[in-house]
Amino acid sequence: MSQESNDLSALTYEEAYAKLEQILQSLESGDLPLEDALALYEQGAKLAALCATKLDEAELRVRQWQPGDETAPFDDWQNS
């Protein structure tokens, strides 16, 4: 596993999401050389996958707390 992968896996969801937002802003500016844009795109794809994985893991944890391993919409849960 590369050093970059180890660094990314140590990020919290919030940290990874913030980095992803920064990358998107940089890419949307259109002021980057092609190679820099490609490198940022690659890093952004890794961060997006990391965020998705962390959200999936959180959903699994929530499902463990719910009867029947089902989730309920947040509004329904909040009003009960």
N, C-alpha and C. Protein backbone atom coordinates (compact mmCIF):
# COMPACT_ATOMS: atom_id res chain seq x y z
N MET A 1 0.85 -1.18 0.00
CA MET A 1 0.00 0.00 0.00
C MET A 1 0.89 1.23 0.00
N SER A 2 0.55 2.24 -0.79
CA SER A 2 1.39 3.42 -0.90
C SER A 2 1.20 4.34 0.30
N GLN A 3 2.15 5.24 0.47
CA GLN A 3 2.07 6.21 1.57
C GLN A 3 0.82 7.06 1.44
N GLU A 4 0.47 7.45 0.20
CA GLU A 4 -0.72 8.28 -0.02
C GLU A 4 -1.97 7.54 0.44
N SER A 5 -2.07 6.24 0.15
CA SER A 5 -3.23 5.45 0.57
C SER A 5 -3.32 5.39 2.08
N ASN A 6 -2.17 5.22 2.73
CA ASN A 6 -2.16 5.21 4.19
C ASN A 6 -2.61 6.55 4.74
N ASP A 7 -2.14 7.64 4.14
CA ASP A 7 -2.52 8.97 4.59
C ASP A 7 -4.01 9.19 4.43
N LEU A 8 -4.57 8.77 3.29
CA LEU A 8 -6.00 8.95 3.05
C LEU A 8 -6.84 8.13 4.01
N SER A 9 -6.44 6.90 4.28
CA SER A 9 -7.24 6.05 5.14
C SER A 9 -7.27 6.56 6.58
N ALA A 10 -6.32 7.40 6.96
CA ALA A 10 -6.29 7.96 8.31
C ALA A 10 -7.22 9.16 8.46
N LEU A 11 -7.75 9.66 7.34
CA LEU A 11 -8.62 10.83 7.40
C LEU A 11 -9.99 10.47 7.94
N THR A 12 -10.58 11.41 8.66
CA THR A 12 -11.98 11.25 9.05
C THR A 12 -12.83 11.58 7.83
N TYR A 13 -14.10 11.26 7.91
CA TYR A 13 -15.02 11.59 6.81
C TYR A 13 -15.00 13.09 6.55
N GLU A 14 -15.07 13.86 7.62
CA GLU A 14 -15.12 15.32 7.47
C GLU A 14 -13.86 15.88 6.82
N GLU A 15 -12.71 15.34 7.21
CA GLU A 15 -11.44 15.79 6.62
C GLU A 15 -11.38 15.42 5.13
N ALA A 16 -11.78 14.20 4.82
CA ALA A 16 -11.75 13.75 3.42
C ALA A 16 -12.72 14.58 2.57
N TYR A 17 -13.88 14.85 3.11
CA TYR A 17 -14.88 15.63 2.38
C TYR A 17 -14.39 17.06 2.15
N ALA A 18 -13.76 17.65 3.15
CA ALA A 18 -13.23 19.01 3.01
C ALA A 18 -12.14 19.05 1.93
N LYS A 19 -11.26 18.05 1.91
CA LYS A 19 -10.22 17.99 0.88
C LYS A 19 -10.85 17.82 -0.50
N LEU A 20 -11.89 17.00 -0.58
CA LEU A 20 -12.58 16.79 -1.84
C LEU A 20 -13.21 18.09 -2.33
N GLU A 21 -13.80 18.85 -1.44
CA GLU A 21 -14.38 20.14 -1.82
C GLU A 21 -13.30 21.09 -2.35
N GLN A 22 -12.13 21.11 -1.71
CA GLN A 22 -11.03 21.96 -2.16
C GLN A 22 -10.58 21.56 -3.57
N ILE A 23 -10.50 20.26 -3.79
CA ILE A 23 -10.09 19.76 -5.10
C ILE A 23 -11.11 20.17 -6.16
N LEU A 24 -12.39 20.01 -5.84
CA LEU A 24 -13.44 20.39 -6.80
C LEU A 24 -13.37 21.87 -7.14
N GLN A 25 -13.14 22.71 -6.15
CA GLN A 25 -13.01 24.14 -6.41
C GLN A 25 -11.83 24.42 -7.32
N SER A 26 -10.71 23.75 -7.07
CA SER A 26 -9.52 23.95 -7.91
C SER A 26 -9.78 23.50 -9.34
N LEU A 27 -10.43 22.35 -9.48
CA LEU A 27 -10.72 21.83 -10.83
C LEU A 27 -11.72 22.73 -11.57
N GLU A 28 -12.71 23.23 -10.85
CA GLU A 28 -13.72 24.07 -11.47
C GLU A 28 -13.17 25.43 -11.89
N SER A 29 -12.07 25.85 -11.28
CA SER A 29 -11.50 27.15 -11.64
C SER A 29 -10.97 27.14 -13.07
N GLY A 30 -10.54 25.96 -13.53
CA GLY A 30 -10.05 25.84 -14.90
C GLY A 30 -8.68 26.45 -15.13
N ASP A 31 -7.99 26.83 -14.08
CA ASP A 31 -6.70 27.50 -14.20
C ASP A 31 -5.50 26.56 -14.05
N LEU A 32 -5.74 25.26 -14.04
CA LEU A 32 -4.66 24.31 -13.79
C LEU A 32 -4.10 23.74 -15.08
N PRO A 33 -2.81 23.50 -15.11
CA PRO A 33 -2.24 22.75 -16.24
C PRO A 33 -2.85 21.34 -16.26
N LEU A 34 -2.87 20.73 -17.41
CA LEU A 34 -3.51 19.43 -17.58
C LEU A 34 -2.99 18.40 -16.59
N GLU A 35 -1.67 18.28 -16.46
CA GLU A 35 -1.11 17.27 -15.55
C GLU A 35 -1.54 17.49 -14.11
N ASP A 36 -1.58 18.74 -13.68
CA ASP A 36 -2.03 19.05 -12.32
C ASP A 36 -3.51 18.71 -12.15
N ALA A 37 -4.30 19.03 -13.16
CA ALA A 37 -5.73 18.73 -13.11
C ALA A 37 -5.96 17.22 -13.03
N LEU A 38 -5.20 16.46 -13.81
CA LEU A 38 -5.34 15.00 -13.78
C LEU A 38 -4.95 14.44 -12.42
N ALA A 39 -3.88 14.95 -11.84
CA ALA A 39 -3.44 14.48 -10.52
C ALA A 39 -4.50 14.80 -9.46
N LEU A 40 -5.07 16.00 -9.53
CA LEU A 40 -6.11 16.35 -8.57
C LEU A 40 -7.37 15.51 -8.78
N TYR A 41 -7.70 15.25 -10.05
CA TYR A 41 -8.86 14.42 -10.34
C TYR A 41 -8.68 13.02 -9.74
N GLU A 42 -7.49 12.46 -9.90
CA GLU A 42 -7.19 11.14 -9.35
C GLU A 42 -7.31 11.14 -7.83
N GLN A 43 -6.75 12.16 -7.19
CA GLN A 43 -6.84 12.25 -5.74
C GLN A 43 -8.30 12.44 -5.32
N GLY A 44 -9.04 13.24 -6.07
CA GLY A 44 -10.46 13.44 -5.77
C GLY A 44 -11.26 12.16 -5.88
N ALA A 45 -10.96 11.35 -6.87
CA ALA A 45 -11.65 10.07 -7.03
C ALA A 45 -11.38 9.16 -5.83
N LYS A 46 -10.15 9.17 -5.35
CA LYS A 46 -9.80 8.36 -4.17
C LYS A 46 -10.53 8.88 -2.93
N LEU A 47 -10.59 10.20 -2.79
CA LEU A 47 -11.28 10.78 -1.65
C LEU A 47 -12.78 10.50 -1.71
N ALA A 48 -13.37 10.57 -2.91
CA ALA A 48 -14.80 10.28 -3.06
C ALA A 48 -15.09 8.82 -2.69
N ALA A 49 -14.21 7.91 -3.10
CA ALA A 49 -14.38 6.50 -2.75
C ALA A 49 -14.25 6.31 -1.24
N LEU A 50 -13.30 7.00 -0.62
CA LEU A 50 -13.11 6.92 0.82
C LEU A 50 -14.36 7.42 1.55
N CYS A 51 -14.89 8.55 1.11
CA CYS A 51 -16.11 9.09 1.72
C CYS A 51 -17.27 8.11 1.58
N ALA A 52 -17.42 7.53 0.41
CA ALA A 52 -18.51 6.57 0.19
C ALA A 52 -18.35 5.36 1.11
N THR A 53 -17.12 4.89 1.25
CA THR A 53 -16.87 3.74 2.13
C THR A 53 -17.21 4.09 3.57
N LYS A 54 -16.80 5.26 4.02
CA LYS A 54 -17.08 5.66 5.40
C LYS A 54 -18.59 5.82 5.62
N LEU A 55 -19.32 6.32 4.63
CA LEU A 55 -20.77 6.43 4.76
C LEU A 55 -21.42 5.05 4.79
N ASP A 56 -20.93 4.13 3.97
CA ASP A 56 -21.45 2.76 3.99
C ASP A 56 -21.22 2.11 5.35
N GLU A 57 -20.03 2.32 5.90
CA GLU A 57 -19.72 1.75 7.22
C GLU A 57 -20.63 2.34 8.29
N ALA A 58 -20.89 3.63 8.20
CA ALA A 58 -21.78 4.27 9.17
C ALA A 58 -23.19 3.72 9.04
N GLU A 59 -23.64 3.52 7.81
CA GLU A 59 -24.98 2.97 7.60
C GLU A 59 -25.09 1.56 8.19
N LEU A 60 -24.05 0.76 8.02
CA LEU A 60 -24.06 -0.58 8.60
C LEU A 60 -24.16 -0.53 10.12
N ARG A 61 -23.46 0.40 10.72
CA ARG A 61 -23.53 0.55 12.18
C ARG A 61 -24.92 0.95 12.62
N VAL A 62 -25.55 1.87 11.89
CA VAL A 62 -26.90 2.31 12.23
C VAL A 62 -27.87 1.15 12.06
N ARG A 63 -27.71 0.37 11.00
CA ARG A 63 -28.60 -0.77 10.77
C ARG A 63 -28.53 -1.76 11.94
N GLN A 64 -27.39 -1.89 12.56
CA GLN A 64 -27.25 -2.80 13.69
C GLN A 64 -28.11 -2.35 14.87
N TRP A 65 -28.36 -1.06 14.96
CA TRP A 65 -29.15 -0.52 16.07
C TRP A 65 -30.65 -0.63 15.81
N GLN A 66 -31.04 -0.79 14.55
CA GLN A 66 -32.44 -0.78 14.17
C GLN A 66 -33.04 -2.19 14.22
N PRO A 67 -34.27 -2.31 14.66
CA PRO A 67 -34.92 -3.62 14.63
C PRO A 67 -35.01 -4.12 13.19
N GLY A 68 -34.70 -5.36 12.97
CA GLY A 68 -34.79 -5.94 11.63
C GLY A 68 -33.71 -5.46 10.69
N ASP A 69 -32.67 -4.84 11.21
CA ASP A 69 -31.57 -4.31 10.39
C ASP A 69 -32.05 -3.35 9.31
N GLU A 70 -33.12 -2.63 9.56
CA GLU A 70 -33.63 -1.68 8.58
C GLU A 70 -33.39 -0.27 9.08
N THR A 71 -33.21 0.64 8.14
CA THR A 71 -33.07 2.04 8.52
C THR A 71 -34.41 2.73 8.33
N ALA A 72 -34.57 3.82 9.02
CA ALA A 72 -35.78 4.62 8.90
C ALA A 72 -35.36 6.03 8.47
N PRO A 73 -36.19 6.71 7.70
CA PRO A 73 -35.86 8.09 7.35
C PRO A 73 -35.64 8.91 8.62
N PHE A 74 -34.69 9.82 8.57
CA PHE A 74 -34.33 10.61 9.75
C PHE A 74 -35.53 11.36 10.30
N ASP A 75 -36.37 11.92 9.43
CA ASP A 75 -37.54 12.67 9.90
C ASP A 75 -38.47 11.78 10.70
N ASP A 76 -38.66 10.53 10.28
CA ASP A 76 -39.52 9.60 11.01
C ASP A 76 -38.93 9.29 12.38
N TRP A 77 -37.63 9.08 12.43
CA TRP A 77 -36.97 8.74 13.68
C TRP A 77 -37.03 9.92 14.65
N GLN A 78 -36.81 11.12 14.12
CA GLN A 78 -36.75 12.31 14.95
C GLN A 78 -38.12 12.61 15.56
N ASN A 79 -39.20 12.30 14.87
CA ASN A 79 -40.54 12.60 15.34
C ASN A 79 -41.11 11.53 16.25
N SER A 80 -40.41 10.42 16.43
CA SER A 80 -40.97 9.35 17.27
C SER A 80 -40.62 9.53 18.72
